[in-house]
Protein backbone atom coordinates (compact mmCIF):
# COMPACT_ATOMS: atom_id res chain seq x y z
CA MET A 1 0.00 0.00 0.00
CA ARG A 2 2.81 2.45 0.77
CA ARG A 3 3.92 2.32 -2.88
CA LEU A 4 0.63 3.63 -4.21
CA ALA A 5 0.14 7.20 -5.39
CA LYS A 6 -1.14 9.77 -2.94
CA VAL A 7 -3.73 12.32 -3.96
CA ALA A 8 -2.06 15.71 -4.33
CA ARG A 9 -3.79 18.56 -2.52
CA PRO A 10 -4.40 21.93 -4.23
CA ASN A 11 -1.96 23.78 -2.00
CA ASP A 12 0.80 21.16 -2.01
CA SER A 13 4.35 22.32 -2.63
CA LEU A 14 6.45 20.87 -5.44
CA ALA A 15 8.09 18.60 -2.89
CA GLY A 16 4.63 17.42 -1.89
CA PHE A 17 3.77 16.72 -5.52
CA PHE A 18 6.86 14.55 -5.98
CA ARG A 19 6.12 12.69 -2.75
CA SER A 20 2.61 11.98 -4.04
CA LEU A 21 3.91 10.00 -7.04
CA PRO A 22 3.65 6.20 -6.81
CA ASP A 23 6.83 4.45 -5.75
CA ILE A 24 6.71 2.30 -8.89
CA LEU A 25 8.58 2.10 -12.23
CA ALA A 26 9.59 5.47 -13.73
CA ALA A 27 8.33 7.50 -10.75
CA ALA A 28 10.50 5.46 -8.39
CA ASP A 29 13.45 5.70 -10.78
CA PHE A 30 13.00 9.47 -11.05
CA ARG A 31 13.19 9.97 -7.29
CA GLU A 32 16.09 7.53 -7.01
CA PHE A 33 18.03 9.31 -9.74
CA ALA A 34 17.41 12.71 -8.15
CA GLY A 35 18.80 11.23 -4.96
CA ARG A 36 21.93 10.05 -6.77
CA MET A 37 22.43 13.54 -8.15
CA ALA A 38 22.05 15.01 -4.67
CA ALA A 39 24.56 12.52 -3.28
CA ALA A 40 27.04 13.39 -6.03
CA LYS A 41 26.66 17.10 -5.30
CA ALA A 42 27.11 16.55 -1.56
CA ARG A 43 30.26 14.50 -2.16
CA ARG A 44 31.55 16.98 -4.75
CA ARG A 45 31.50 14.39 -7.49
CA PRO A 46 30.96 15.58 -11.09
CA LEU A 47 27.51 16.28 -12.50
CA ILE A 48 28.15 16.30 -16.24
CA TRP A 49 25.34 17.21 -18.64
CA GLY A 50 25.44 16.33 -22.34
CA VAL A 51 22.86 18.57 -24.02
CA GLY A 52 21.51 18.35 -27.56
CA ALA A 53 20.51 21.43 -29.54
CA HIS A 54 16.78 20.80 -29.18
CA VAL A 55 17.08 21.41 -25.44
CA VAL A 56 18.28 24.94 -26.21
CA LYS A 57 15.70 25.45 -28.96
CA VAL A 58 12.72 24.67 -26.70
CA GLY A 59 13.64 27.42 -24.27
CA LEU A 60 15.41 25.67 -21.41
CA ASN A 61 18.52 27.87 -21.13
CA PRO A 62 17.23 29.78 -18.06
CA VAL A 63 16.62 26.48 -16.24
CA LEU A 64 20.07 25.13 -17.08
CA ILE A 65 21.80 28.39 -16.22
CA ASP A 66 20.12 28.36 -12.81
CA LEU A 67 21.30 24.77 -12.30
CA MET A 68 24.85 25.83 -13.18
CA LYS A 69 24.71 28.68 -10.68
CA SER A 70 23.32 26.43 -7.94
CA GLY A 71 25.92 23.67 -8.39
CA TRP A 72 23.85 21.05 -10.21
CA ILE A 73 25.97 21.20 -13.37
CA SER A 74 29.74 20.92 -13.06
CA ALA A 75 30.51 20.46 -16.77
CA LEU A 76 28.53 20.77 -19.98
CA ALA A 77 28.94 18.98 -23.32
CA MET A 78 27.14 20.07 -26.48
CA ASN A 79 26.96 19.14 -30.13
CA GLY A 80 27.71 21.60 -32.91
CA ALA A 81 24.11 22.65 -33.41
CA GLY A 82 23.92 23.62 -29.74
CA ILE A 83 26.28 26.58 -30.15
CA ILE A 84 24.19 27.84 -33.07
CA HIS A 85 20.93 28.00 -31.13
CA ASP A 86 22.77 29.32 -28.06
CA PHE A 87 24.41 32.12 -30.06
CA GLU A 88 21.15 33.10 -31.73
CA LEU A 89 19.40 33.32 -28.38
CA ALA A 90 22.14 35.62 -27.07
CA PHE A 91 22.21 37.70 -30.25
CA ALA A 92 18.51 37.95 -31.15
CA GLY A 93 16.55 36.56 -28.19
CA ARG A 94 15.09 33.72 -30.24
CA THR A 95 16.25 30.83 -32.37
CA SER A 96 14.25 29.00 -35.01
CA GLU A 97 14.12 28.49 -38.73
CA ASP A 98 11.50 27.03 -41.06
CA VAL A 99 13.76 24.46 -42.67
CA GLU A 100 11.20 23.20 -45.18
CA SER A 101 10.48 26.59 -46.71
CA GLN A 102 14.01 27.97 -46.43
CA ILE A 103 15.79 25.00 -48.00
CA LYS A 104 13.51 25.15 -51.06
CA ALA A 105 14.47 28.78 -51.54
CA GLY A 106 18.19 28.15 -50.99
CA ARG A 107 18.26 30.22 -47.82
CA PHE A 108 18.42 27.55 -45.10
CA GLY A 109 21.26 28.15 -42.68
CA MET A 110 22.52 31.24 -44.48
CA ALA A 111 22.02 33.87 -41.77
CA ARG A 112 25.19 35.94 -42.08
CA GLU A 113 25.63 36.85 -38.40
CA THR A 114 25.49 33.25 -37.16
CA GLY A 115 28.16 32.08 -39.58
CA ASP A 116 30.38 35.14 -39.19
CA PHE A 117 30.43 35.37 -35.40
CA LEU A 118 30.77 31.66 -34.68
CA ASN A 119 33.39 30.88 -37.31
CA LYS A 120 35.43 33.92 -36.27
CA ALA A 121 35.31 32.82 -32.62
CA VAL A 122 36.36 29.25 -33.48
CA ASN A 123 39.14 30.34 -35.84
CA GLU A 124 40.62 32.82 -33.38
CA GLY A 125 40.25 30.51 -30.42
CA SER A 126 41.83 27.55 -32.17
CA SER A 127 44.81 29.67 -33.25
CA GLU A 128 45.32 30.55 -29.58
CA GLY A 129 45.02 26.94 -28.38
CA ARG A 130 41.50 27.13 -26.96
CA GLY A 131 38.78 24.54 -27.29
CA LEU A 132 35.59 25.15 -29.23
CA GLY A 133 33.36 25.59 -26.18
CA GLU A 134 35.75 27.98 -24.48
CA SER A 135 36.19 29.99 -27.69
CA VAL A 136 32.47 30.53 -28.23
CA GLY A 137 31.78 31.08 -24.52
CA ARG A 138 34.51 33.70 -24.35
CA MET A 139 33.10 35.48 -27.39
CA ILE A 140 29.51 35.55 -26.12
CA GLY A 141 30.46 36.29 -22.52
CA GLY A 142 32.55 39.27 -23.59
CA SER A 143 30.03 40.58 -26.09
CA LYS A 144 27.38 43.29 -25.86
CA PHE A 145 24.68 41.06 -27.33
CA PRO A 146 21.35 42.19 -25.85
CA TYR A 147 20.41 38.72 -24.59
CA ARG A 148 23.87 37.40 -23.69
CA LYS A 149 22.71 36.41 -20.19
CA LEU A 150 20.54 33.73 -21.83
CA SER A 151 23.59 31.98 -23.26
CA LEU A 152 24.70 28.68 -21.74
CA LEU A 153 28.21 29.10 -23.13
CA GLY A 154 28.58 32.72 -22.09
CA GLU A 155 27.31 32.17 -18.56
CA ALA A 156 29.33 28.97 -18.13
CA TYR A 157 32.47 30.83 -19.21
CA LYS A 158 31.84 33.49 -16.57
CA LEU A 159 31.17 30.82 -13.92
CA GLY A 160 34.30 28.84 -14.80
CA ILE A 161 32.26 25.78 -15.79
CA PRO A 162 33.90 23.84 -18.65
CA VAL A 163 31.87 23.49 -21.84
CA THR A 164 33.01 21.13 -24.54
CA VAL A 165 31.57 21.09 -28.07
CA HIS A 166 31.75 18.01 -30.28
CA VAL A 167 31.20 18.52 -34.00
CA ALA A 168 30.81 16.35 -37.07
CA LEU A 169 32.01 18.36 -40.05
CA GLY A 170 29.26 19.11 -42.53
CA THR A 171 26.38 18.69 -40.09
CA ASP A 172 26.02 22.30 -38.91
CA ILE A 173 24.91 25.36 -40.85
CA ILE A 174 28.06 27.35 -40.06
CA HIS A 175 30.09 24.78 -42.01
CA MET A 176 28.43 26.06 -45.19
CA HIS A 177 29.77 29.60 -44.67
CA PRO A 178 32.99 30.89 -46.27
CA GLY A 179 34.54 31.55 -42.86
CA ALA A 180 34.45 27.87 -41.87
CA ASN A 181 37.91 26.39 -41.38
CA GLY A 182 37.95 22.62 -41.09
CA ALA A 183 41.39 22.57 -39.47
CA ALA A 184 40.30 25.03 -36.77
CA LEU A 185 36.98 23.28 -36.14
CA GLY A 186 38.69 19.89 -35.93
CA ALA A 187 41.52 21.04 -33.68
CA ALA A 188 39.20 22.89 -31.30
CA SER A 189 36.73 20.02 -31.11
CA LEU A 190 39.48 17.44 -30.60
CA LEU A 191 40.88 19.51 -27.74
CA ASP A 192 37.38 19.56 -26.28
CA PHE A 193 37.18 15.78 -26.55
CA HIS A 194 40.30 15.42 -24.41
CA ARG A 195 38.93 17.93 -21.92
CA PHE A 196 35.66 16.02 -21.83
CA ALA A 197 37.52 12.75 -21.20
CA ALA A 198 39.29 14.42 -18.27
CA GLU A 199 35.90 15.33 -16.78
CA VAL A 200 34.57 11.80 -17.41
CA ALA A 201 37.59 10.36 -15.58
CA ARG A 202 36.34 12.07 -12.42
CA LEU A 203 33.02 10.18 -12.47
CA ASP A 204 34.52 7.32 -10.47
CA GLY A 205 32.95 6.84 -7.08
CA GLY A 206 29.59 8.50 -7.42
CA GLY A 207 29.57 10.97 -10.31
CA VAL A 208 26.61 11.40 -12.67
CA TYR A 209 26.39 11.80 -16.44
CA LEU A 210 23.16 12.93 -18.14
CA ASN A 211 22.51 12.73 -21.87
CA VAL A 212 19.65 15.09 -22.66
CA GLY A 213 18.32 15.17 -26.18
CA SER A 214 21.27 13.90 -28.21
CA ALA A 215 20.59 10.66 -30.07
CA VAL A 216 23.92 10.14 -31.85
CA ILE A 217 26.89 12.50 -31.34
CA LEU A 218 27.08 12.82 -27.56
CA PRO A 219 26.35 9.13 -26.76
CA GLU A 220 29.19 8.18 -29.10
CA VAL A 221 31.52 10.78 -27.59
CA PHE A 222 30.71 9.64 -24.06
CA LEU A 223 31.41 5.98 -24.87
CA LYS A 224 34.76 6.86 -26.49
CA ALA A 225 35.75 9.03 -23.53
CA VAL A 226 35.05 6.17 -21.11
CA ALA A 227 37.03 3.82 -23.34
CA LEU A 228 39.99 6.21 -23.48
CA VAL A 229 40.10 6.72 -19.72
CA ARG A 230 40.00 2.98 -19.01
CA ASN A 231 42.56 2.22 -21.71
CA ARG A 232 44.96 4.60 -20.02
CA GLY A 233 44.53 2.77 -16.71
CA GLY A 234 41.89 4.97 -15.16
CA ARG A 235 39.18 3.48 -12.96
CA ILE A 236 35.59 4.58 -13.59
CA ASP A 237 33.05 2.71 -11.50
CA GLY A 238 30.20 3.41 -9.13
CA PHE A 239 28.75 6.23 -11.23
CA SER A 240 25.25 6.80 -12.57
CA THR A 241 23.99 7.73 -16.01
CA ALA A 242 20.63 8.89 -17.34
CA VAL A 243 19.05 9.67 -20.68
CA PHE A 244 16.23 12.18 -20.99
CA ASP A 245 14.57 12.15 -24.41
CA PHE A 246 11.14 12.04 -26.02
CA ASN A 247 11.91 8.85 -27.98
CA HIS A 248 13.79 5.68 -27.15
CA HIS A 249 17.01 5.57 -29.18
CA TYR A 250 19.54 2.78 -29.64
CA ARG A 251 22.76 4.70 -29.05
CA PRO A 252 21.76 6.49 -25.85
CA ALA A 253 20.35 3.26 -24.45
CA GLU A 254 23.51 1.29 -25.23
CA ASN A 255 26.28 3.90 -25.03
CA VAL A 256 25.04 5.81 -21.99
CA VAL A 257 22.68 3.62 -19.96
CA ARG A 258 24.13 0.12 -20.45
CA ARG A 259 27.64 -0.35 -21.88
CA PRO A 260 29.78 2.19 -19.98
CA LEU A 261 28.74 1.14 -16.45
CA GLY A 262 31.26 -0.74 -14.37
CA THR A 263 30.54 -3.44 -11.81
CA THR A 264 28.45 -0.98 -9.77
CA GLY A 265 26.41 2.06 -10.66
CA LYS A 266 23.12 2.35 -12.48
CA GLY A 267 21.68 3.72 -15.72
CA TYR A 268 18.24 5.25 -16.23
CA TYR A 269 16.15 6.12 -19.29
CA PHE A 270 13.38 8.71 -18.94
CA LEU A 271 10.93 9.36 -21.76
CA GLY A 272 9.16 12.70 -22.09
CA HIS A 273 9.34 16.10 -23.72
CA HIS A 274 12.38 18.11 -22.69
CA GLU A 275 10.34 21.25 -22.03
CA ILE A 276 8.47 19.32 -19.32
CA MET A 277 10.97 16.78 -18.02
CA ILE A 278 13.97 19.06 -17.44
CA PRO A 279 12.03 21.69 -15.44
CA LEU A 280 10.55 18.77 -13.45
CA LEU A 281 14.02 17.42 -12.73
CA ALA A 282 15.29 20.88 -11.78
CA SER A 283 12.32 21.35 -9.44
CA ALA A 284 12.92 17.96 -7.85
CA LEU A 285 16.59 18.74 -7.24
CA LYS A 286 15.90 22.16 -5.74
CA SER A 287 12.99 20.84 -3.65
CA GLY A 288 15.17 18.22 -2.03
CA VAL A 289 13.17 15.25 -3.39
CA ARG A 290 14.79 11.89 -2.66
């Protein structure tokens, strides 16, 4: 009987709402995972978030920035599309494009400012030995863009939180622009991979890795980072992983939830729309739900 749902009352707090959920299946996993995140934070173990571009596009930057400021994100990994939506939010306060109509007219991905600013930041940063995430974060953080405080990369740079960006050449709109330099993009992203692997190495003994909304790039990068750390003699065990996505995908399930775990630790897979699930998780963490 104690595992059954409780009827939430109209004036219940968020903590009361979470306590009202049944202690069964995904609801039980959700509370358990929030508890593992809280334990990692208390023990100063890493809380690494891998975030796909759709998470930025659906308006979650304020939630993630608040989690960075309150210690629930210790490192952030993004794919190449993530920096595009993040920049456009900082620059224009919105980010979206009607791909179907624009590609027919030959205009898809051709916004001049996006290509110019991002390629310039990557090219300059790479020439100075900086990673891709640091280069873009430094550019946005030091800019006078009207909405720069909405930028994950800019705010993370100011907070000293490492952001790594992992690109596949030819997949992002800025690669179509004349300022794109494959050598700079590759060097900066490879440096970020090694920085990401260094963060992953710290997961041992209670850290947490979340893959939110990336079906291919970040699950592959995470698996390779774990492989590299273990090949070099590093021990990664006793950590937790979770996927948050609105579909069940092969690579996140295998490369995040199942394959990388050691002899202890646990993986979770939560299905639901990002614009609902991530604010719910943030509320659970800040409400002290365990």
